[in-house]
């Protein structure tokens, strides 16, 4: 099987026999949804391939290839009347460089639009005057020429908000650049105003716009207020994205090919791995069926098909842009507190509703609440819908372990900005292999004062658990879970070795954390610091905390053995007790 990782050319995928999950059955639904549509999905979620498929379907120049491209697909068996009836044109704003002055950005934007107009004019043999200084004028002339030949245009705009988002993300130094793009008669607003006018009987029949968030659309709404938002319609939840059933079917096919080569793939564990790392995105406003990130899934499947083993790193480095988006939120007021809240599994991220009418001007000039920032993180794909709670409010969650690793990484940089991985790598690896936690405890103990900073609202054992989670999180080796649900019980922290990493000598870990207040032991911070390890361990309050921790751990162990297999797990259970924010003590089960 050939997996089209990173390929958004529909014609190449079909003619070169790449794997393709058919979504052409949605074309009639798209046609009936409206003539000007806005469809939002996170970056690297297959939007460009969707547009390219639609472009090939509607392009009159591809009429002779319809059977080749679509005959074997759902729409080929029952095509709509509009197939191959349009001139098509695509503007891809991800190609517009956002660096430099507003004049330079405008020049690049106009160059891109003009180049698209010129290419389409040549393709359809239209006599069009290209005005290099004014792409709006060029677009008007293209429509004049197409109307003269009784043709209508279908315009596709890909990543409509890309370069404007990039300008927004550089907000700290110069907000005026974004203002010049969208406010008043800014160039982006002017361009969309012209698109709106063209669709009012002036040759432009349909528009399909993709992007990441509705933020930019809110700013240009007075110039372009005619788009139907379809991104949360139930019928389009998996328009981009793979379902659980589809992933299972693909894995079975890959396994058959591997068996023919004498290799064996454990389908059950591969499915679990993909579910934990790549599933979990929900865009449906009526139920909460989740889909797999298609780019991440193809990244995994391509490696599995080629080598019959997982990729070495389950995080596709092309998703580094998600890291940038989290970093951006962390720069905003209330951003660090929201990231802490997201990482705290004992709290929930709940919003009254998803905001969709906030603009960048608000983001730049007004302090945003955590609710508004959480909505933006939803559109960016680093939070997703979980469930409806009391009074119809919406609970959000982190989609999967790939995204959680990005949050943990950012939290580590927020709280320990001067700490490098090499500073504690040996202590961490020592724990993974031997279960000896003392070196890491020493490392954390020296920095515990950071976690008592009331600015971050750290409380009780969560602060301690977070410290260990930040430093032990390693999805290269482990399936890492904080507060995993174990038959309606919640363990503090588990590190379960990835199936493909069990070839190395490493333990699985189940951990529980307890916090003893200084007032409970009737000692000052300095007094606790000077206690010996033996005396500290023997304090009655510490003994009580250990007893409670191990009682909980004993209830979790059989559930983990049942879930993963007792013969598979090399499980060590460890309890950690913090005495104030001054000292840490730990024990393995049985000691």
Protein backbone atom coordinates (compact mmCIF):
# COMPACT_ATOMS: atom_id res chain seq x y z
CA UNK A 1 0.00 0.00 0.00
CA UNK A 2 1.22 3.50 -0.88
CA UNK A 3 0.18 6.13 1.64
CA UNK A 4 0.04 9.74 0.38
CA UNK A 5 1.66 11.36 3.40
CA UNK A 6 2.19 15.04 2.62
CA UNK A 7 0.52 14.78 -0.82
CA UNK A 8 -2.49 17.01 -1.53
CA UNK A 9 -2.63 16.46 -5.31
CA UNK A 10 -5.83 14.46 -5.81
CA UNK A 11 -5.08 13.59 -9.43
CA UNK A 12 -1.66 12.20 -8.49
CA UNK A 13 -3.13 10.17 -5.63
CA UNK A 14 -5.71 8.54 -7.92
CA UNK A 15 -3.60 8.01 -11.04
CA UNK A 16 -0.53 6.80 -9.12
CA UNK A 17 -2.58 4.36 -7.01
CA UNK A 18 -2.06 5.90 -3.60
CA UNK A 19 -4.35 4.99 -0.75
CA UNK A 20 -7.41 7.26 -0.62
CA UNK A 21 -10.38 7.30 1.75
CA UNK A 22 -13.40 8.31 -0.30
CA UNK A 23 -15.22 11.44 0.85
CA UNK A 24 -16.84 12.21 -2.51
CA UNK A 25 -20.22 11.07 -1.17
CA UNK A 26 -20.33 14.45 0.65
CA UNK A 27 -20.27 16.46 -2.60
CA UNK A 28 -24.09 16.61 -2.89
CA UNK A 29 -24.25 17.72 0.76
CA UNK A 30 -21.67 20.44 0.09
CA UNK A 31 -23.67 21.66 -2.91
CA UNK A 32 -26.87 21.85 -0.86
CA UNK A 33 -25.15 23.54 2.11
CA UNK A 34 -24.80 26.85 0.28
CA UNK A 35 -22.98 28.70 -2.45
CA UNK A 36 -20.38 30.37 -0.23
CA UNK A 37 -19.01 28.09 2.46
CA UNK A 38 -16.50 28.40 5.29
CA UNK A 39 -14.94 25.14 6.49
CA UNK A 40 -12.48 25.21 9.41
CA UNK A 41 -10.06 22.53 10.54
CA UNK A 42 -6.68 22.61 12.34
CA UNK A 43 -3.49 22.84 10.34
CA UNK A 44 -2.34 19.70 8.55
CA UNK A 45 -5.81 18.15 8.63
CA UNK A 46 -6.31 17.42 4.92
CA UNK A 47 -8.08 20.62 3.86
CA UNK A 48 -5.88 21.20 0.83
CA UNK A 49 -6.54 17.69 -0.50
CA UNK A 50 -10.27 18.25 -0.03
CA UNK A 51 -10.14 21.45 -2.08
CA UNK A 52 -8.03 19.81 -4.73
CA UNK A 53 -10.51 16.94 -5.02
CA UNK A 54 -13.41 19.40 -5.39
CA UNK A 55 -11.44 21.42 -7.92
CA UNK A 56 -10.89 18.34 -10.07
CA UNK A 57 -14.56 17.41 -9.79
CA UNK A 58 -15.91 20.78 -10.93
CA UNK A 59 -13.23 21.78 -13.43
CA UNK A 60 -14.61 21.82 -16.97
CA UNK A 61 -11.08 21.24 -18.25
CA UNK A 62 -11.08 17.80 -16.60
CA UNK A 63 -14.29 16.52 -18.18
CA UNK A 64 -12.44 13.92 -20.25
CA UNK A 65 -10.82 12.53 -17.08
CA UNK A 66 -13.97 12.23 -15.00
CA UNK A 67 -14.25 8.47 -15.31
CA UNK A 68 -10.55 7.96 -14.56
CA UNK A 69 -10.57 10.19 -11.48
CA UNK A 70 -14.03 9.57 -10.05
CA UNK A 71 -15.54 6.52 -11.78
CA UNK A 72 -14.54 4.14 -8.97
CA UNK A 73 -15.57 6.54 -6.18
CA UNK A 74 -18.97 7.17 -4.62
CA UNK A 75 -19.70 10.31 -6.63
CA UNK A 76 -18.70 8.61 -9.88
CA UNK A 77 -21.61 6.20 -9.53
CA UNK A 78 -24.10 9.03 -8.99
CA UNK A 79 -22.60 12.37 -10.05
CA UNK A 80 -24.32 15.71 -9.57
CA UNK A 81 -25.30 17.85 -12.54
CA UNK A 82 -22.59 20.38 -11.72
CA UNK A 83 -19.57 18.14 -12.27
CA UNK A 84 -17.10 19.61 -14.76
CA UNK A 85 -19.31 22.67 -15.27
CA UNK A 86 -17.06 25.42 -13.90
CA UNK A 87 -13.95 27.38 -14.44
CA UNK A 88 -12.03 26.85 -11.20
CA UNK A 89 -9.45 28.99 -9.48
CA UNK A 90 -7.57 28.45 -6.21
CA UNK A 91 -6.00 31.05 -3.96
CA UNK A 92 -3.69 29.46 -1.42
CA UNK A 93 -2.83 32.07 1.20
CA UNK A 94 -0.39 29.76 2.95
CA UNK A 95 1.97 30.69 0.13
CA UNK A 96 1.90 34.38 1.09
CA UNK A 97 4.90 35.37 3.20
CA UNK A 98 3.78 37.38 6.23
CA UNK A 99 7.16 38.95 6.95
CA UNK A 100 8.07 42.54 6.28
CA UNK A 101 6.09 45.75 5.97
CA UNK A 102 2.43 45.98 5.06
CA UNK A 103 3.44 47.16 1.60
CA UNK A 104 5.58 44.05 1.14
CA UNK A 105 2.78 41.77 2.38
CA UNK A 106 0.29 43.46 0.05
CA UNK A 107 2.69 43.03 -2.85
CA UNK A 108 3.06 39.31 -2.16
CA UNK A 109 -0.70 38.86 -1.73
CA UNK A 110 -1.44 40.62 -5.00
CA UNK A 111 1.32 38.68 -6.74
CA UNK A 112 -0.17 35.39 -5.57
CA UNK A 113 -3.72 36.29 -6.63
CA UNK A 114 -2.51 37.67 -9.96
CA UNK A 115 -0.47 34.55 -10.65
CA UNK A 116 -3.55 32.39 -9.94
CA UNK A 117 -5.65 34.55 -12.27
CA UNK A 118 -3.02 34.41 -15.00
CA UNK A 119 -2.70 30.62 -14.75
CA UNK A 120 -6.48 30.18 -14.96
CA UNK A 121 -6.75 32.62 -17.87
CA UNK A 122 -4.15 30.66 -19.81
CA UNK A 123 -5.79 27.34 -18.90
CA UNK A 124 -9.20 28.42 -20.19
CA UNK A 125 -7.84 30.58 -23.02
CA UNK A 126 -9.31 33.84 -21.73
CA UNK A 127 -8.00 37.26 -22.69
CA UNK A 128 -7.44 38.86 -19.27
CA UNK A 129 -5.57 42.04 -18.37
CA UNK A 130 -3.33 41.41 -15.34
CA UNK A 131 -2.90 44.53 -13.22
CA UNK A 132 0.22 43.87 -11.15
CA UNK A 133 -0.54 46.73 -8.80
CA UNK A 134 -4.17 45.80 -8.21
CA UNK A 135 -5.23 42.13 -8.09
CA UNK A 136 -8.85 43.15 -7.51
CA UNK A 137 -8.84 44.77 -10.96
CA UNK A 138 -7.33 41.60 -12.45
CA UNK A 139 -10.04 39.49 -10.85
CA UNK A 140 -12.77 41.74 -12.21
CA UNK A 141 -11.31 41.41 -15.69
CA UNK A 142 -11.14 37.62 -15.41
CA UNK A 143 -14.83 37.52 -14.51
CA UNK A 144 -15.65 39.83 -17.43
CA UNK A 145 -13.83 37.50 -19.82
CA UNK A 146 -15.46 34.36 -18.37
CA UNK A 147 -18.95 35.88 -18.55
CA UNK A 148 -18.34 36.78 -22.19
CA UNK A 149 -18.01 33.05 -22.87
CA UNK A 150 -20.99 32.16 -20.63
CA UNK A 151 -18.82 30.41 -18.06
CA UNK A 152 -19.14 30.59 -14.28
CA UNK A 153 -16.33 30.48 -11.74
CA UNK A 154 -15.90 28.26 -8.66
CA UNK A 155 -13.35 29.94 -6.38
CA UNK A 156 -11.45 27.95 -3.77
CA UNK A 157 -9.57 29.85 -1.05
CA UNK A 158 -7.22 27.68 0.99
CA UNK A 159 -5.88 28.73 4.43
CA UNK A 160 -7.64 32.08 4.13
CA UNK A 161 -6.35 33.13 7.56
CA UNK A 162 -2.79 31.82 7.33
CA UNK A 163 -0.71 34.89 6.71
CA UNK A 164 -3.01 37.09 8.79
CA UNK A 165 -2.55 34.65 11.69
CA UNK A 166 1.18 34.87 11.24
CA UNK A 167 1.01 38.64 11.42
CA UNK A 168 -1.16 38.34 14.53
CA UNK A 169 1.30 35.96 16.17
CA UNK A 170 4.03 38.58 15.78
CA UNK A 171 1.77 41.01 17.61
CA UNK A 172 4.15 41.97 20.34
CA UNK A 173 6.03 44.53 18.30
CA UNK A 174 3.72 45.91 15.64
CA UNK A 175 -0.05 45.62 15.71
CA UNK A 176 -0.53 48.09 12.88
CA UNK A 177 0.38 45.50 10.25
CA UNK A 178 -2.70 43.46 11.02
CA UNK A 179 -4.88 46.58 11.23
CA UNK A 180 -3.77 47.57 7.74
CA UNK A 181 -4.75 44.12 6.49
CA UNK A 182 -8.35 44.04 7.69
CA UNK A 183 -9.65 47.30 9.17
CA UNK A 184 -11.36 50.00 7.12
CA UNK A 185 -10.51 49.22 3.52
CA UNK A 186 -7.53 47.02 4.38
CA UNK A 187 -6.23 44.87 1.54
CA UNK A 188 -7.64 41.56 2.82
CA UNK A 189 -11.02 43.08 3.59
CA UNK A 190 -11.07 44.80 0.20
CA UNK A 191 -10.29 41.52 -1.56
CA UNK A 192 -13.12 39.66 0.18
CA UNK A 193 -15.49 42.56 -0.41
CA UNK A 194 -14.80 42.13 -4.12
CA UNK A 195 -15.41 38.37 -3.88
CA UNK A 196 -18.80 39.08 -2.28
CA UNK A 197 -19.70 41.52 -5.04
CA UNK A 198 -18.61 39.09 -7.74
CA UNK A 199 -20.89 36.39 -6.29
CA UNK A 200 -23.92 38.69 -6.62
CA UNK A 201 -24.56 37.71 -10.25
CA UNK A 202 -21.24 38.88 -11.66
CA UNK A 203 -19.78 35.57 -12.80
CA UNK A 204 -18.69 34.00 -9.50
CA UNK A 205 -21.14 31.21 -8.72
CA UNK A 206 -19.56 29.33 -5.79
CA UNK A 207 -16.89 29.89 -3.14
CA UNK A 208 -15.37 27.33 -0.76
CA UNK A 209 -13.06 28.76 1.91
CA UNK A 210 -10.90 26.80 4.33
CA UNK A 211 -8.96 28.01 7.32
CA UNK A 212 -8.06 27.29 10.91
CA UNK A 213 -10.16 29.74 12.92
CA UNK A 214 -13.06 32.16 12.42
CA UNK A 215 -11.04 35.01 13.92
CA UNK A 216 -10.10 36.67 10.64
CA UNK A 217 -13.60 36.22 9.22
CA UNK A 218 -14.96 38.13 12.21
CA UNK A 219 -12.70 41.08 11.38
CA UNK A 220 -13.70 41.23 7.71
CA UNK A 221 -17.38 40.43 8.29
CA UNK A 222 -18.61 43.81 7.10
CA UNK A 223 -16.85 43.16 3.81
CA UNK A 224 -17.76 39.49 3.56
CA UNK A 225 -20.77 38.43 5.62
CA UNK A 226 -22.35 35.89 3.28
CA UNK A 227 -20.50 32.65 4.08
CA UNK A 228 -22.33 29.69 5.56
CA UNK A 229 -20.27 28.15 8.35
CA UNK A 230 -20.34 24.36 7.92
CA UNK A 231 -17.37 23.34 10.05
CA UNK A 232 -19.47 21.96 12.96
CA UNK A 233 -22.24 20.38 10.89
CA UNK A 234 -22.59 16.69 11.86
CA UNK A 235 -22.45 15.50 8.24
CA UNK A 236 -19.01 17.06 7.84
CA UNK A 237 -17.41 15.84 11.09
CA UNK A 238 -15.18 13.38 9.20
CA UNK A 239 -14.99 15.29 5.91
CA UNK A 240 -11.32 15.62 6.78
CA UNK A 241 -10.20 12.90 9.18
CA UNK A 242 -10.40 9.12 9.47
CA UNK A 243 -12.87 7.09 11.51
CA UNK A 244 -12.07 4.24 13.91
CA UNK A 245 -13.57 1.67 11.53
CA UNK A 246 -11.49 2.98 8.62
CA UNK A 247 -8.27 2.83 10.66
CA UNK A 248 -9.02 -0.74 11.71
CA UNK A 249 -9.61 -1.77 8.09
CA UNK A 250 -6.37 -0.14 6.93
CA UNK A 251 -4.34 -1.85 9.67
CA UNK A 252 -5.74 -5.21 8.62
CA UNK A 253 -4.64 -4.58 5.02
CA UNK A 254 -1.18 -3.47 6.13
CA UNK A 255 -0.87 -6.58 8.29
CA UNK A 256 -1.75 -8.82 5.33
CA UNK A 257 1.02 -7.24 3.26
CA UNK A 258 3.50 -7.57 6.12
CA UNK A 259 2.60 -11.25 6.53
CA UNK A 260 3.34 -11.79 2.85
CA UNK A 261 6.83 -10.42 3.54
CA UNK A 262 7.29 -12.67 6.54
CA UNK A 263 6.69 -9.89 9.08
CA UNK A 264 4.07 -9.76 11.80
CA UNK A 265 2.18 -6.69 13.02
CA UNK A 266 0.27 -6.80 16.29
CA UNK A 267 -2.92 -5.18 15.03
CA UNK A 268 -4.52 -4.86 18.45
CA UNK A 269 -1.61 -2.93 19.96
CA UNK A 270 -1.15 -0.86 16.79
CA UNK A 271 -4.81 0.12 17.01
CA UNK A 272 -4.46 1.07 20.68
CA UNK A 273 -1.37 3.12 19.93
CA UNK A 274 -3.00 5.02 17.09
CA UNK A 275 -6.11 5.61 19.20
CA UNK A 276 -4.11 7.06 22.09
CA UNK A 277 -1.80 9.20 19.97
CA UNK A 278 -3.84 10.30 16.95
CA UNK A 279 -7.57 9.99 17.70
CA UNK A 280 -9.82 12.29 19.67
CA UNK A 281 -10.73 15.26 17.43
CA UNK A 282 -14.42 16.15 17.45
CA UNK A 283 -16.02 18.81 15.24
CA UNK A 284 -19.65 17.71 15.59
CA UNK A 285 -21.90 20.02 17.55
CA UNK A 286 -24.60 17.40 18.15
CA UNK A 287 -22.72 14.28 19.19
CA UNK A 288 -19.12 13.66 20.11
CA UNK A 289 -17.90 11.09 17.61
CA UNK A 290 -14.17 11.62 17.25
CA UNK A 291 -11.90 11.31 14.22
CA UNK A 292 -8.21 10.66 13.68
CA UNK A 293 -5.88 13.38 12.48
CA UNK A 294 -5.33 12.21 8.86
CA UNK A 295 -1.79 13.56 8.55
CA UNK A 296 -0.63 11.88 11.74
CA UNK A 297 -2.41 8.66 10.80
CA UNK A 298 -0.77 8.59 7.35
CA UNK A 299 2.61 9.34 8.94
CA UNK A 300 2.21 6.27 11.16
CA UNK A 301 0.73 4.02 8.46
CA UNK A 302 3.41 4.90 5.91
CA UNK A 303 6.13 3.69 8.28
CA UNK A 304 4.12 0.61 9.22
CA UNK A 305 3.54 -0.30 5.56
CA UNK A 306 7.18 0.25 4.56
CA UNK A 307 8.94 -1.38 7.50
CA UNK A 308 6.21 -3.27 9.40
CA UNK A 309 7.08 -1.26 12.51
CA UNK A 310 6.08 2.02 14.09
CA UNK A 311 7.87 5.29 13.31
CA UNK A 312 10.61 5.99 15.87
CA UNK A 313 8.92 9.20 16.94
CA UNK A 314 5.13 9.16 17.15
CA UNK A 315 5.02 12.96 16.93
CA UNK A 316 5.30 14.05 13.32
CA UNK A 317 7.73 16.99 13.41
CA UNK A 318 5.68 18.73 10.74
CA UNK A 319 3.18 19.41 13.53
CA UNK A 320 5.66 21.77 15.18
CA UNK A 321 3.25 24.53 14.20
CA UNK A 322 0.91 23.26 16.93
CA UNK A 323 3.74 23.92 19.36
CA UNK A 324 3.94 27.47 18.00
CA UNK A 325 0.22 28.02 18.60
CA UNK A 326 0.49 26.91 22.23
CA UNK A 327 3.50 29.17 22.63
CA UNK A 328 1.44 32.05 21.26
CA UNK A 329 -1.37 31.49 23.75
CA UNK A 330 1.23 31.31 26.54
CA UNK A 331 2.29 34.89 25.70
CA UNK A 332 -1.20 36.29 26.26
CA UNK A 333 -2.67 37.38 29.60
CA UNK A 334 -4.40 34.37 31.22
CA UNK A 335 -2.53 32.07 28.82
CA UNK A 336 -0.10 30.44 31.30
CA UNK A 337 -2.91 29.84 33.80
CA UNK A 338 -5.01 28.19 31.10
CA UNK A 339 -2.14 25.88 30.10
CA UNK A 340 -1.73 24.89 33.76
CA UNK A 341 -5.45 24.25 33.98
CA UNK A 342 -5.38 22.09 30.85
CA UNK A 343 -2.53 20.00 32.27
CA UNK A 344 -4.38 19.56 35.57
CA UNK A 345 -6.58 16.50 35.00
CA UNK A 346 -8.39 17.17 38.25
CA UNK A 347 -9.87 20.33 36.71
CA UNK A 348 -12.09 20.75 33.65
CA UNK A 349 -11.93 23.27 30.85
CA UNK A 350 -15.56 24.36 30.44
CA UNK A 351 -16.86 27.16 28.24
CA UNK A 352 -20.45 28.45 27.93
CA UNK A 353 -20.08 27.94 24.18
CA UNK A 354 -17.41 28.04 21.51
CA UNK A 355 -16.72 31.64 20.59
CA UNK A 356 -16.78 32.27 16.85
CA UNK A 357 -17.22 36.03 16.55
CA UNK A 358 -14.11 37.35 18.28
CA UNK A 359 -11.64 39.21 16.09
CA UNK A 360 -7.92 39.78 16.18
CA UNK A 361 -8.41 43.39 17.25
CA UNK A 362 -9.92 42.04 20.46
CA UNK A 363 -7.08 39.53 20.79
CA UNK A 364 -4.50 42.27 20.43
CA UNK A 365 -6.07 45.11 22.38
CA UNK A 366 -8.22 43.48 25.06
CA UNK A 367 -7.37 40.92 27.69
CA UNK A 368 -9.08 37.67 26.75
CA UNK A 369 -10.70 35.39 29.29
CA UNK A 370 -9.72 31.74 29.59
CA UNK A 371 -13.03 30.87 27.89
CA UNK A 372 -12.10 32.83 24.79
CA UNK A 373 -8.55 31.49 24.74
CA UNK A 374 -9.88 27.94 25.15
CA UNK A 375 -12.14 28.47 22.13
CA UNK A 376 -9.15 29.59 20.07
CA UNK A 377 -7.22 26.49 21.20
CA UNK A 378 -10.17 24.41 19.97
CA UNK A 379 -9.93 25.90 16.50
CA UNK A 380 -6.16 25.43 16.51
CA UNK A 381 -6.74 21.72 17.16
CA UNK A 382 -5.03 21.51 20.55
CA UNK A 383 -8.30 21.25 22.47
CA UNK A 384 -11.43 19.50 21.30
CA UNK A 385 -15.04 18.93 22.35
CA UNK A 386 -15.61 16.40 25.10
CA UNK A 387 -19.21 16.58 26.29
CA UNK A 388 -22.08 18.85 27.26
CA UNK A 389 -22.29 19.45 31.02
CA UNK A 390 -24.64 21.32 33.36
CA UNK A 391 -26.70 24.14 31.85
CA UNK A 392 -25.64 23.19 28.33
CA UNK A 393 -22.04 24.31 28.74
CA UNK A 394 -19.31 22.60 26.73
CA UNK A 395 -16.41 20.71 28.29
CA UNK A 396 -13.20 20.63 26.27
CA UNK A 397 -10.26 18.24 26.50
CA UNK A 398 -6.84 17.55 25.04
CA UNK A 399 -7.41 15.30 21.98
CA UNK A 400 -4.60 12.79 22.45
CA UNK A 401 -1.10 12.08 23.76
CA UNK A 402 0.66 13.82 20.87
CA UNK A 403 -1.00 17.11 21.77
CA UNK A 404 -0.61 16.51 25.52
CA UNK A 405 3.14 16.20 25.01
CA UNK A 406 3.15 19.72 23.53
CA UNK A 407 1.34 21.13 26.57
CA UNK A 408 3.68 19.36 28.97
CA UNK A 409 6.66 20.68 27.05
CA UNK A 410 5.32 24.23 27.25
CA UNK A 411 4.48 23.92 30.93
CA UNK A 412 8.04 22.75 31.59
CA UNK A 413 9.42 25.79 29.80
CA UNK A 414 7.08 28.13 31.66
CA UNK A 415 8.04 26.82 35.07
CA UNK A 416 11.62 25.68 34.49
CA UNK A 417 12.86 27.98 31.72
CA UNK A 418 16.53 27.42 32.47
CA UNK A 419 16.39 23.63 32.72
CA UNK A 420 17.62 21.62 29.74
CA UNK A 421 16.79 17.99 29.02
CA UNK A 422 20.40 16.94 29.60
CA UNK A 423 20.19 18.32 33.15
CA UNK A 424 17.97 15.48 34.27
CA UNK A 425 18.14 12.91 31.47
CA UNK A 426 20.32 10.49 33.44
CA UNK A 427 18.06 10.67 36.51
CA UNK A 428 14.99 10.09 34.35
CA UNK A 429 16.46 7.18 32.41
CA UNK A 430 17.71 5.64 35.66
CA UNK A 431 14.14 5.60 36.98
CA UNK A 432 12.81 4.12 33.74
CA UNK A 433 15.27 1.22 33.93
CA UNK A 434 15.75 0.56 37.64
CA UNK A 435 12.86 2.27 39.41
CA UNK A 436 15.25 4.35 41.53
CA UNK A 437 13.52 7.69 41.94
CA UNK A 438 15.99 9.35 44.33
CA UNK A 439 18.11 11.23 41.74
CA UNK A 440 14.98 12.74 40.18
CA UNK A 441 13.57 13.56 43.62
CA UNK A 442 16.79 15.41 44.42
CA UNK A 443 16.52 17.34 41.16
CA UNK A 444 12.89 18.33 41.79
CA UNK A 445 13.38 19.02 45.48
CA UNK A 446 15.88 21.75 44.65
CA UNK A 447 13.16 23.49 42.60
CA UNK A 448 10.03 22.89 44.64
CA UNK A 449 9.77 26.56 45.59
CA UNK A 450 8.78 27.21 41.95
CA UNK A 451 5.63 25.14 42.38
CA UNK A 452 4.50 26.99 45.48
CA UNK A 453 4.24 30.21 43.49
CA UNK A 454 0.66 31.29 44.10
CA UNK A 455 0.57 32.97 40.65
CA UNK A 456 0.07 29.50 39.18
CA UNK A 457 -2.45 28.41 41.83
CA UNK A 458 -0.58 25.18 42.55
CA UNK A 459 -2.26 23.21 45.31
CA UNK A 460 -1.44 20.11 47.29
CA UNK A 461 -0.30 16.97 45.47
CA UNK A 462 -1.13 18.34 42.04
CA UNK A 463 1.95 20.55 42.16
CA UNK A 464 4.12 17.55 42.94
CA UNK A 465 2.47 15.35 40.35
CA UNK A 466 2.94 18.09 37.74
CA UNK A 467 6.63 18.37 38.54
CA UNK A 468 7.16 14.66 37.96
CA UNK A 469 4.88 14.58 34.92
CA UNK A 470 6.80 17.39 33.22
CA UNK A 471 10.12 15.65 33.72
CA UNK A 472 9.06 12.04 33.14
CA UNK A 473 6.81 12.62 30.11
CA UNK A 474 8.49 10.68 27.30
CA UNK A 475 6.17 9.52 24.52
CA UNK A 476 9.16 8.12 22.64
CA UNK A 477 9.24 5.26 25.16
CA UNK A 478 5.94 5.33 27.02
CA UNK A 479 2.22 5.74 26.77
CA UNK A 480 1.99 8.45 29.41
CA UNK A 481 -1.28 9.04 31.22
CA UNK A 482 -2.19 11.46 33.97
CA UNK A 483 -5.35 10.59 35.90
CA UNK A 484 -6.10 7.51 33.74
CA UNK A 485 -9.59 6.15 34.22
CA UNK A 486 -9.39 2.69 35.78
CA UNK A 487 -12.94 1.40 36.17
CA UNK A 488 -14.21 4.71 37.55
CA UNK A 489 -11.09 5.20 39.64
CA UNK A 490 -8.29 7.57 38.72
CA UNK A 491 -4.63 6.83 39.28
CA UNK A 492 -2.32 9.81 39.54
CA UNK A 493 0.20 8.84 36.86
CA UNK A 494 1.11 5.85 34.70
CA UNK A 495 4.00 5.15 32.36
CA UNK A 496 3.19 2.10 30.24
CA UNK A 497 5.92 1.07 27.81
CA UNK A 498 4.98 1.40 24.16
CA UNK A 499 4.61 -2.07 22.63
CA UNK A 500 7.39 -1.40 20.14
CA UNK A 501 9.75 -0.31 22.93
CA UNK A 502 9.44 -3.41 25.12
CA UNK A 503 12.58 -4.75 23.49
CA UNK A 504 14.50 -2.44 25.83
CA UNK A 505 15.05 -3.07 29.53
CA UNK A 506 12.56 -0.69 31.08
CA UNK A 507 9.85 -0.86 33.70
CA UNK A 508 6.21 0.14 33.57
CA UNK A 509 5.33 2.59 36.32
CA UNK A 510 2.23 3.31 38.40
CA UNK A 511 2.62 6.31 40.70
CA UNK A 512 0.59 7.99 43.42
CA UNK A 513 1.36 11.37 45.03
CA UNK A 514 0.45 12.72 48.45
CA UNK A 515 0.96 16.12 50.05
CA UNK A 516 1.48 16.72 53.78
CA UNK A 517 1.16 20.32 54.94
CA UNK A 518 3.83 21.79 57.21
CA UNK A 519 1.08 22.64 59.67
CA UNK A 520 0.14 18.95 59.84
CA UNK A 521 3.61 18.03 61.09
CA UNK A 522 3.87 21.17 63.21
CA UNK A 523 7.24 22.06 61.74
CA UNK A 524 8.66 25.04 59.85
CA UNK A 525 10.08 24.76 56.38
CA UNK A 526 13.65 25.10 57.67
CA UNK A 527 13.07 22.43 60.29
CA UNK A 528 11.76 20.01 57.67
CA UNK A 529 14.74 20.72 55.42
CA UNK A 530 17.14 19.70 58.17
CA UNK A 531 15.43 16.42 59.05
CA UNK A 532 17.22 13.25 58.04
CA UNK A 533 15.60 10.99 55.47
CA UNK A 534 14.95 8.33 58.12
CA UNK A 535 13.27 10.76 60.53
CA UNK A 536 11.19 12.25 57.73
CA UNK A 537 9.99 8.81 56.61
CA UNK A 538 8.99 7.94 60.17
CA UNK A 539 6.80 10.98 60.79
CA UNK A 540 3.30 9.65 61.59
CA UNK A 541 1.67 11.96 59.02
CA UNK A 542 4.07 10.73 56.32
CA UNK A 543 3.43 7.11 57.29
CA UNK A 544 -0.31 7.73 57.02
CA UNK A 545 0.13 9.29 53.58
CA UNK A 546 2.17 6.29 52.38
CA UNK A 547 -0.44 3.87 53.73
CA UNK A 548 -3.22 5.69 51.87
CA UNK A 549 -1.16 5.88 48.66
CA UNK A 550 -0.32 2.17 48.62
CA UNK A 551 -3.90 1.21 49.40
CA UNK A 552 -4.95 3.10 46.25
CA UNK A 553 -2.12 1.63 44.21
CA UNK A 554 -3.17 -1.89 45.19
CA UNK A 555 -6.65 -1.27 43.79
CA UNK A 556 -5.23 0.06 40.49
CA UNK A 557 -2.72 -2.75 39.86
CA UNK A 558 -5.16 -5.55 38.94
CA UNK A 559 -7.01 -3.22 36.61
CA UNK A 560 -3.80 -2.40 34.75
CA UNK A 561 -2.87 -6.09 34.60
CA UNK A 562 -6.29 -6.87 33.16
CA UNK A 563 -5.98 -4.05 30.62
CA UNK A 564 -2.45 -4.74 29.39
CA UNK A 565 -1.76 -8.31 30.50
CA UNK A 566 0.04 -9.38 33.67
CA UNK A 567 2.57 -11.30 31.63
CA UNK A 568 3.30 -8.18 29.58
CA UNK A 569 3.70 -5.52 32.25
CA UNK A 570 6.87 -5.14 34.31
CA UNK A 571 5.04 -2.95 36.77
CA UNK A 572 6.59 -0.99 39.60
CA UNK A 573 4.27 0.92 41.92
CA UNK A 574 5.74 3.97 43.60
CA UNK A 575 4.36 6.40 46.16
CA UNK A 576 5.76 9.92 46.56
CA UNK A 577 5.00 12.11 49.57
CA UNK A 578 5.81 15.81 49.67
CA UNK A 579 6.16 17.51 53.04
CA UNK A 580 5.27 21.09 52.24
CA UNK A 581 7.25 22.38 49.30
CA UNK A 582 10.50 21.55 51.06
CA UNK A 583 11.05 17.78 50.98
CA UNK A 584 10.16 14.69 48.96
CA UNK A 585 10.23 11.08 50.12
CA UNK A 586 9.34 8.02 48.09
CA UNK A 587 8.90 4.25 48.40
CA UNK A 588 8.40 1.32 46.11
CA UNK A 589 5.61 -1.12 46.87
CA UNK A 590 6.82 -3.80 49.29
CA UNK A 591 9.56 -1.72 50.87
